[in-house]
């Protein structure tokens, strides 16, 4: 009976250790993703530093068009690349 209790305790410790390792992995992934997003925002902010508000509005419209019409955008890019 004592051996059975010891085995249960050992299994519980191993399970807790595995869970804590999994939590640590998830937290590390979240931290890395957060760093990536912060870096992307900083690059975008630096790139937008010298942009005229009119140009920014045009870029926003182009982005929205590309998101709404990916096939048309792809065909347009293909035709531009063929011309060069």
C-alpha atoms as a PDB file:
ATOM      1  CA  UNK A   1       0.000   0.000   0.000  1.00  0.00           C
ATOM      2  CA  UNK A   2       2.821   2.407   0.785  1.00  0.00           C
ATOM      3  CA  UNK A   3       4.423   1.608  -2.561  1.00  0.00           C
ATOM      4  CA  UNK A   4       1.152   2.420  -4.364  1.00  0.00           C
ATOM      5  CA  UNK A   5       0.994   5.801  -2.589  1.00  0.00           C
ATOM      6  CA  UNK A   6       4.606   6.538  -3.511  1.00  0.00           C
ATOM      7  CA  UNK A   7       3.918   5.675  -7.170  1.00  0.00           C
ATOM      8  CA  UNK A   8       0.868   7.955  -7.190  1.00  0.00           C
ATOM      9  CA  UNK A   9       2.903  10.768  -5.697  1.00  0.00           C
ATOM     10  CA  UNK A  10       5.632  10.263  -8.263  1.00  0.00           C
ATOM     11  CA  UNK A  11       3.121  10.260 -11.126  1.00  0.00           C
ATOM     12  CA  UNK A  12       1.517  13.439  -9.795  1.00  0.00           C
ATOM     13  CA  UNK A  13       4.923  15.133  -9.568  1.00  0.00           C
ATOM     14  CA  UNK A  14       5.794  14.072 -13.118  1.00  0.00           C
ATOM     15  CA  UNK A  15       2.435  15.314 -14.379  1.00  0.00           C
ATOM     16  CA  UNK A  16       2.890  18.634 -12.575  1.00  0.00           C
ATOM     17  CA  UNK A  17       6.392  18.968 -13.999  1.00  0.00           C
ATOM     18  CA  UNK A  18       5.139  18.272 -17.531  1.00  0.00           C
ATOM     19  CA  UNK A  19       2.338  20.817 -17.098  1.00  0.00           C
ATOM     20  CA  UNK A  20       4.736  23.470 -15.821  1.00  0.00           C
ATOM     21  CA  UNK A  21       7.092  22.828 -18.749  1.00  0.00           C
ATOM     22  CA  UNK A  22       4.177  23.161 -21.172  1.00  0.00           C
ATOM     23  CA  UNK A  23       3.119  26.435 -19.521  1.00  0.00           C
ATOM     24  CA  UNK A  24       6.672  27.725 -19.781  1.00  0.00           C
ATOM     25  CA  UNK A  25       6.777  26.844 -23.499  1.00  0.00           C
ATOM     26  CA  UNK A  26       3.469  28.614 -24.129  1.00  0.00           C
ATOM     27  CA  UNK A  27       4.598  31.700 -22.220  1.00  0.00           C
ATOM     28  CA  UNK A  28       7.840  31.772 -24.199  1.00  0.00           C
ATOM     29  CA  UNK A  29       5.909  31.533 -27.475  1.00  0.00           C
ATOM     30  CA  UNK A  30       3.609  34.366 -26.373  1.00  0.00           C
ATOM     31  CA  UNK A  31       6.606  36.486 -25.376  1.00  0.00           C
ATOM     32  CA  UNK A  32       8.322  35.888 -28.718  1.00  0.00           C
ATOM     33  CA  UNK A  33       5.127  36.683 -30.640  1.00  0.00           C
ATOM     34  CA  UNK A  34       4.724  39.871 -28.631  1.00  0.00           C
ATOM     35  CA  UNK A  35       8.312  40.881 -29.410  1.00  0.00           C
ATOM     36  CA  UNK A  36       7.734  40.241 -33.103  1.00  0.00           C
ATOM     37  CA  UNK A  37       4.562  42.346 -33.113  1.00  0.00           C
ATOM     38  CA  UNK A  38       6.331  45.171 -31.288  1.00  0.00           C
ATOM     39  CA  UNK A  39       9.203  45.049 -33.761  1.00  0.00           C
ATOM     40  CA  UNK A  40       6.801  45.098 -36.722  1.00  0.00           C
ATOM     41  CA  UNK A  41       5.004  48.126 -35.281  1.00  0.00           C
ATOM     42  CA  UNK A  42       8.271  49.964 -34.696  1.00  0.00           C
ATOM     43  CA  UNK A  43       9.380  49.275 -38.281  1.00  0.00           C
ATOM     44  CA  UNK A  44       6.039  50.471 -39.585  1.00  0.00           C
ATOM     45  CA  UNK A  45       6.232  53.619 -37.459  1.00  0.00           C
ATOM     46  CA  UNK A  46       9.739  54.360 -38.716  1.00  0.00           C
ATOM     47  CA  UNK A  47       8.675  53.795 -42.305  1.00  0.00           C
ATOM     48  CA  UNK A  48       5.687  56.087 -41.888  1.00  0.00           C
ATOM     49  CA  UNK A  49       7.803  58.809 -40.323  1.00  0.00           C
ATOM     50  CA  UNK A  50       8.240  60.810 -43.525  1.00  0.00           C
ATOM     51  CA  UNK A  51       5.006  59.903 -45.295  1.00  0.00           C
ATOM     52  CA  UNK A  52       2.576  62.531 -46.441  1.00  0.00           C
ATOM     53  CA  UNK A  53      -0.961  61.959 -45.041  1.00  0.00           C
ATOM     54  CA  UNK A  54      -2.332  61.892 -48.608  1.00  0.00           C
ATOM     55  CA  UNK A  55       0.095  59.125 -49.542  1.00  0.00           C
ATOM     56  CA  UNK A  56      -0.837  57.203 -46.407  1.00  0.00           C
ATOM     57  CA  UNK A  57      -4.528  57.414 -47.332  1.00  0.00           C
ATOM     58  CA  UNK A  58      -3.757  56.065 -50.803  1.00  0.00           C
ATOM     59  CA  UNK A  59      -1.688  53.221 -49.346  1.00  0.00           C
ATOM     60  CA  UNK A  60      -4.552  52.330 -47.021  1.00  0.00           C
ATOM     61  CA  UNK A  61      -6.959  52.204 -49.947  1.00  0.00           C
ATOM     62  CA  UNK A  62      -4.589  49.998 -51.945  1.00  0.00           C
ATOM     63  CA  UNK A  63      -4.168  47.639 -48.978  1.00  0.00           C
ATOM     64  CA  UNK A  64      -7.930  47.400 -48.530  1.00  0.00           C
ATOM     65  CA  UNK A  65      -8.413  46.709 -52.236  1.00  0.00           C
ATOM     66  CA  UNK A  66      -5.746  43.992 -52.145  1.00  0.00           C
ATOM     67  CA  UNK A  67      -7.407  42.343 -49.133  1.00  0.00           C
ATOM     68  CA  UNK A  68     -10.841  42.456 -50.715  1.00  0.00           C
ATOM     69  CA  UNK A  69      -9.688  41.416 -54.220  1.00  0.00           C
ATOM     70  CA  UNK A  70      -6.668  39.119 -53.883  1.00  0.00           C
ATOM     71  CA  UNK A  71      -7.118  37.488 -57.296  1.00  0.00           C
ATOM     72  CA  UNK A  72      -7.337  40.810 -59.134  1.00  0.00           C
ATOM     73  CA  UNK A  73      -4.289  42.044 -57.244  1.00  0.00           C
ATOM     74  CA  UNK A  74      -2.333  38.894 -58.117  1.00  0.00           C
ATOM     75  CA  UNK A  75      -3.221  39.216 -61.802  1.00  0.00           C
ATOM     76  CA  UNK A  76      -2.226  42.875 -61.796  1.00  0.00           C
ATOM     77  CA  UNK A  77       1.160  42.088 -60.241  1.00  0.00           C
ATOM     78  CA  UNK A  78       1.739  39.257 -62.709  1.00  0.00           C
ATOM     79  CA  UNK A  79       1.066  41.551 -65.643  1.00  0.00           C
ATOM     80  CA  UNK A  80       3.433  44.193 -64.241  1.00  0.00           C
ATOM     81  CA  UNK A  81       6.187  41.610 -63.790  1.00  0.00           C
ATOM     82  CA  UNK A  82       5.749  40.335 -67.337  1.00  0.00           C
ATOM     83  CA  UNK A  83       6.214  43.859 -68.714  1.00  0.00           C
ATOM     84  CA  UNK A  84       9.647  44.232 -67.123  1.00  0.00           C
END
